[in-house]
Structure formats: C-alpha cells, structure tokens
Amino acid sequence: MSKTIFEQIIDREIPASIVYEDDDVIAFLDAFPISKGHTLVVPKKPIENIFELDAETGQKLMTKIQSVATAVNAAFEPKGMNILQNNGAFASQSVFHIHFHIIPRYEDRHDGLTLGWKTDPHKYSEDEKSDIVKSIQEKL
C-alpha cells in the first residue's frame, strides 16, 4: 500500500510548513488554504477515519487540535473559526488519513467556504425519534 501525502510529510519525503510536532501529532499549513492560518492537525499513526481512531490517539489529537486552534486564533484574531473533519469520499475526505482542518474565518474576506445546510424536510414523530435514539444507543 502506498503512503498517503500526510505520511510522506511525516517522513519528510515532501516539504510542509510545520506548525507543531511531537511524537504523536503533527500540524502544518494546508497546501491549498481556504484562509490565512488554515492548518491541518494529523496523528502520525496512519488511521483512515474517525471510525478507526483509538481513544488514546484521539485524546492526544484533540488536545493538540485545541492548542493549535487557540494559537491560530491568538495569532490572527479571526472573526470565527471552523474545525472540520471528513470521513469517506462521499463526505469530501480526499486524504484517507484522519485529519482536522483548523480554518480561521475573516469578515473582510470571502473564502468560498459555505457550511449552510437545510434541515431534513421529514418531520420525525416522537416514535421515530425514539427509534432513532434506540438504534444509536444499541451501538454505543
């Protein structure tokens, strides 16, 4: 199996603008940023998606996501920030190594990122909601 682009960055086979690195996590500027400061936070362990993420790696990853996001916020003082993570091609995952986008949002710049969504037009009955809750709880 060939390495993902993130594994190549981790192994220093291709260059990246690294913001943070430790034994478990690396953070670097996105090669195709949506906005100034757009940073990716990636576990060094090759994990494809959230469904394969173990608790220990997830905890380390979330700790660094929060600290990198806080640093980006302090450095650039954006009006807001999105932290995004996609799972599967249908959900726009293009690199199959779990990663989180830290995307600062600026009032004076149109970055093209739109996250508006429409609510499901189906109005769920209380019985349907109860069935949905039970289905999820059975898998927890």
C-alpha atoms as a PDB file:
ATOM      1  CA  MET A   1       0.000   0.000   0.000  1.00  0.00           C
ATOM      2  CA  SER A   2       1.365   3.412  -0.902  1.00  0.00           C
ATOM      3  CA  LYS A   3       1.839   6.154   1.632  1.00  0.00           C
ATOM      4  CA  THR A   4      -0.641   8.982   1.930  1.00  0.00           C
ATOM      5  CA  ILE A   5       0.606  12.508   1.366  1.00  0.00           C
ATOM      6  CA  PHE A   6       0.469  13.011   5.147  1.00  0.00           C
ATOM      7  CA  GLU A   7       2.701  10.014   5.767  1.00  0.00           C
ATOM      8  CA  GLN A   8       5.115  11.464   3.209  1.00  0.00           C
ATOM      9  CA  ILE A   9       5.099  14.778   5.107  1.00  0.00           C
ATOM     10  CA  ILE A  10       5.625  12.968   8.430  1.00  0.00           C
ATOM     11  CA  ASP A  11       8.553  11.047   6.903  1.00  0.00           C
ATOM     12  CA  ARG A  12       9.966  14.278   5.411  1.00  0.00           C
ATOM     13  CA  GLU A  13       9.690  12.917   1.887  1.00  0.00           C
ATOM     14  CA  ILE A  14       7.836  16.034   0.799  1.00  0.00           C
ATOM     15  CA  PRO A  15       8.025  19.510   2.305  1.00  0.00           C
ATOM     16  CA  ALA A  16       5.419  21.130   4.510  1.00  0.00           C
ATOM     17  CA  SER A  17       5.162  24.260   6.637  1.00  0.00           C
ATOM     18  CA  ILE A  18       5.130  22.569  10.027  1.00  0.00           C
ATOM     19  CA  VAL A  19       3.487  24.486  12.859  1.00  0.00           C
ATOM     20  CA  TYR A  20       3.759  21.844  15.598  1.00  0.00           C
ATOM     21  CA  GLU A  21       5.153  18.355  16.044  1.00  0.00           C
ATOM     22  CA  ASP A  22       5.615  15.812  18.813  1.00  0.00           C
ATOM     23  CA  ASP A  23       5.899  12.013  18.893  1.00  0.00           C
ATOM     24  CA  ASP A  24       2.188  11.510  18.146  1.00  0.00           C
ATOM     25  CA  VAL A  25       0.835  14.542  16.284  1.00  0.00           C
ATOM     26  CA  ILE A  26       1.926  16.892  13.531  1.00  0.00           C
ATOM     27  CA  ALA A  27       0.292  20.159  12.451  1.00  0.00           C
ATOM     28  CA  PHE A  28       1.112  22.003   9.247  1.00  0.00           C
ATOM     29  CA  LEU A  29      -0.320  24.658   6.980  1.00  0.00           C
ATOM     30  CA  ASP A  30      -2.730  23.355   4.366  1.00  0.00           C
ATOM     31  CA  ALA A  31      -1.071  23.326   0.917  1.00  0.00           C
ATOM     32  CA  PHE A  32      -4.271  24.777  -0.570  1.00  0.00           C
ATOM     33  CA  PRO A  33      -5.543  27.041   2.226  1.00  0.00           C
ATOM     34  CA  ILE A  34      -9.047  28.390   2.408  1.00  0.00           C
ATOM     35  CA  SER A  35      -7.813  31.289   4.544  1.00  0.00           C
ATOM     36  CA  LYS A  36      -4.724  32.690   6.267  1.00  0.00           C
ATOM     37  CA  GLY A  37      -3.686  30.271   9.002  1.00  0.00           C
ATOM     38  CA  HIS A  38      -5.601  27.237   7.637  1.00  0.00           C
ATOM     39  CA  THR A  39      -3.820  24.409   9.446  1.00  0.00           C
ATOM     40  CA  LEU A  40      -4.169  20.627   9.430  1.00  0.00           C
ATOM     41  CA  VAL A  41      -3.710  18.576  12.599  1.00  0.00           C
ATOM     42  CA  VAL A  42      -2.858  14.944  11.912  1.00  0.00           C
ATOM     43  CA  PRO A  43      -1.921  11.932  14.036  1.00  0.00           C
ATOM     44  CA  LYS A  44       1.378  10.412  12.980  1.00  0.00           C
ATOM     45  CA  LYS A  45      -0.162   6.966  13.304  1.00  0.00           C
ATOM     46  CA  PRO A  46      -1.820   6.083   9.969  1.00  0.00           C
ATOM     47  CA  ILE A  47      -5.538   5.943  10.790  1.00  0.00           C
ATOM     48  CA  GLU A  48      -8.006   6.278   7.939  1.00  0.00           C
ATOM     49  CA  ASN A  49     -11.007   7.884   9.639  1.00  0.00           C
ATOM     50  CA  ILE A  50     -12.866   8.582  12.880  1.00  0.00           C
ATOM     51  CA  PHE A  51     -14.252   5.040  12.941  1.00  0.00           C
ATOM     52  CA  GLU A  52     -10.738   3.583  13.228  1.00  0.00           C
ATOM     53  CA  LEU A  53      -9.452   6.164  15.726  1.00  0.00           C
ATOM     54  CA  ASP A  54      -8.451   4.649  19.056  1.00  0.00           C
ATOM     55  CA  ALA A  55      -9.247   6.519  22.276  1.00  0.00           C
ATOM     56  CA  GLU A  56      -5.628   7.193  23.256  1.00  0.00           C
ATOM     57  CA  THR A  57      -4.703   8.705  19.878  1.00  0.00           C
ATOM     58  CA  GLY A  58      -7.996  10.606  19.807  1.00  0.00           C
ATOM     59  CA  GLN A  59      -7.278  12.160  23.184  1.00  0.00           C
ATOM     60  CA  LYS A  60      -3.777  13.254  22.144  1.00  0.00           C
ATOM     61  CA  LEU A  61      -5.122  14.565  18.858  1.00  0.00           C
ATOM     62  CA  MET A  62      -7.938  16.583  20.433  1.00  0.00           C
ATOM     63  CA  THR A  63      -5.556  18.141  22.951  1.00  0.00           C
ATOM     64  CA  LYS A  64      -3.346  19.384  20.100  1.00  0.00           C
ATOM     65  CA  ILE A  65      -6.289  20.487  17.958  1.00  0.00           C
ATOM     66  CA  GLN A  66      -7.387  22.725  20.810  1.00  0.00           C
ATOM     67  CA  SER A  67      -3.913  24.160  21.415  1.00  0.00           C
ATOM     68  CA  VAL A  68      -3.199  24.766  17.709  1.00  0.00           C
ATOM     69  CA  ALA A  69      -6.646  26.342  17.225  1.00  0.00           C
ATOM     70  CA  THR A  70      -6.011  28.592  20.225  1.00  0.00           C
ATOM     71  CA  ALA A  71      -2.629  29.622  18.769  1.00  0.00           C
ATOM     72  CA  VAL A  72      -4.114  30.339  15.319  1.00  0.00           C
ATOM     73  CA  ASN A  73      -6.870  32.367  16.967  1.00  0.00           C
ATOM     74  CA  ALA A  74      -4.352  34.391  19.007  1.00  0.00           C
ATOM     75  CA  ALA A  75      -2.040  34.906  16.020  1.00  0.00           C
ATOM     76  CA  PHE A  76      -4.639  36.160  13.534  1.00  0.00           C
ATOM     77  CA  GLU A  77      -7.718  37.160  15.565  1.00  0.00           C
ATOM     78  CA  PRO A  78     -10.258  35.912  13.026  1.00  0.00           C
ATOM     79  CA  LYS A  79     -13.972  36.637  13.464  1.00  0.00           C
ATOM     80  CA  GLY A  80     -14.618  32.910  13.839  1.00  0.00           C
ATOM     81  CA  MET A  81     -13.142  29.505  13.179  1.00  0.00           C
ATOM     82  CA  ASN A  82     -14.307  26.205  11.749  1.00  0.00           C
ATOM     83  CA  ILE A  83     -12.757  22.924  12.799  1.00  0.00           C
ATOM     84  CA  LEU A  84     -13.708  20.303  10.245  1.00  0.00           C
ATOM     85  CA  GLN A  85     -13.088  16.590   9.816  1.00  0.00           C
ATOM     86  CA  ASN A  86     -14.452  14.466   6.956  1.00  0.00           C
ATOM     87  CA  ASN A  87     -14.994  10.698   6.806  1.00  0.00           C
ATOM     88  CA  GLY A  88     -15.230   8.937   3.451  1.00  0.00           C
ATOM     89  CA  ALA A  89     -15.129  10.204  -0.107  1.00  0.00           C
ATOM     90  CA  PHE A  90     -18.861  10.987  -0.081  1.00  0.00           C
ATOM     91  CA  ALA A  91     -18.226  13.379   2.838  1.00  0.00           C
ATOM     92  CA  SER A  92     -15.353  15.083   0.932  1.00  0.00           C
ATOM     93  CA  GLN A  93     -12.459  13.199   2.551  1.00  0.00           C
ATOM     94  CA  SER A  94      -9.674  13.328  -0.045  1.00  0.00           C
ATOM     95  CA  VAL A  95      -6.716  12.073   2.007  1.00  0.00           C
ATOM     96  CA  PHE A  96      -7.535   8.825   3.758  1.00  0.00           C
ATOM     97  CA  HIS A  97      -5.530   9.577   6.885  1.00  0.00           C
ATOM     98  CA  ILE A  98      -7.650  11.238   9.568  1.00  0.00           C
ATOM     99  CA  HIS A  99      -7.034  14.956   9.831  1.00  0.00           C
ATOM    100  CA  PHE A 100      -8.704  18.031  11.221  1.00  0.00           C
ATOM    101  CA  HIS A 101      -8.864  21.358   9.411  1.00  0.00           C
ATOM    102  CA  ILE A 102      -8.494  24.479  11.532  1.00  0.00           C
ATOM    103  CA  ILE A 103      -9.945  27.200   9.328  1.00  0.00           C
ATOM    104  CA  PRO A 104      -9.918  30.811  10.548  1.00  0.00           C
ATOM    105  CA  ARG A 105     -12.795  32.879   9.142  1.00  0.00           C
ATOM    106  CA  TYR A 106     -12.377  36.560   8.378  1.00  0.00           C
ATOM    107  CA  GLU A 107     -15.127  39.101   7.949  1.00  0.00           C
ATOM    108  CA  ASP A 108     -13.367  41.033   5.181  1.00  0.00           C
ATOM    109  CA  ARG A 109     -12.526  38.014   3.012  1.00  0.00           C
ATOM    110  CA  HIS A 110     -14.817  35.766   1.049  1.00  0.00           C
ATOM    111  CA  ASP A 111     -13.133  32.389   1.369  1.00  0.00           C
ATOM    112  CA  GLY A 112     -15.737  30.393  -0.525  1.00  0.00           C
ATOM    113  CA  LEU A 113     -16.364  28.024   2.369  1.00  0.00           C
ATOM    114  CA  THR A 114     -20.080  27.518   2.826  1.00  0.00           C
ATOM    115  CA  LEU A 115     -21.442  25.341   5.568  1.00  0.00           C
ATOM    116  CA  GLY A 116     -25.103  26.180   5.403  1.00  0.00           C
ATOM    117  CA  TRP A 117     -27.344  23.166   5.335  1.00  0.00           C
ATOM    118  CA  LYS A 118     -31.002  22.558   5.076  1.00  0.00           C
ATOM    119  CA  THR A 119     -32.795  20.614   7.733  1.00  0.00           C
ATOM    120  CA  ASP A 120     -34.299  17.281   6.825  1.00  0.00           C
ATOM    121  CA  PRO A 121     -37.762  18.070   5.440  1.00  0.00           C
ATOM    122  CA  HIS A 122     -39.138  14.956   7.101  1.00  0.00           C
ATOM    123  CA  LYS A 123     -40.692  15.852  10.427  1.00  0.00           C
ATOM    124  CA  TYR A 124     -39.850  12.998  12.750  1.00  0.00           C
ATOM    125  CA  SER A 125     -42.599  11.837  15.070  1.00  0.00           C
ATOM    126  CA  GLU A 126     -41.833  11.171  18.724  1.00  0.00           C
ATOM    127  CA  ASP A 127     -41.946   7.428  17.965  1.00  0.00           C
ATOM    128  CA  GLU A 128     -39.474   7.837  15.094  1.00  0.00           C
ATOM    129  CA  LYS A 129     -37.155   9.904  17.276  1.00  0.00           C
ATOM    130  CA  SER A 130     -37.382   7.250  19.969  1.00  0.00           C
ATOM    131  CA  ASP A 131     -36.454   4.560  17.408  1.00  0.00           C
ATOM    132  CA  ILE A 132     -33.501   6.646  16.206  1.00  0.00           C
ATOM    133  CA  VAL A 133     -32.270   7.115  19.783  1.00  0.00           C
ATOM    134  CA  LYS A 134     -32.593   3.378  20.482  1.00  0.00           C
ATOM    135  CA  SER A 135     -30.724   2.469  17.280  1.00  0.00           C
ATOM    136  CA  ILE A 136     -27.819   4.685  18.257  1.00  0.00           C
ATOM    137  CA  GLN A 137     -27.794   3.608  21.895  1.00  0.00           C
ATOM    138  CA  GLU A 138     -27.708  -0.073  20.897  1.00  0.00           C
ATOM    139  CA  LYS A 139     -24.423   0.599  19.072  1.00  0.00           C
ATOM    140  CA  LEU A 140     -22.752   2.525  21.879  1.00  0.00           C
END
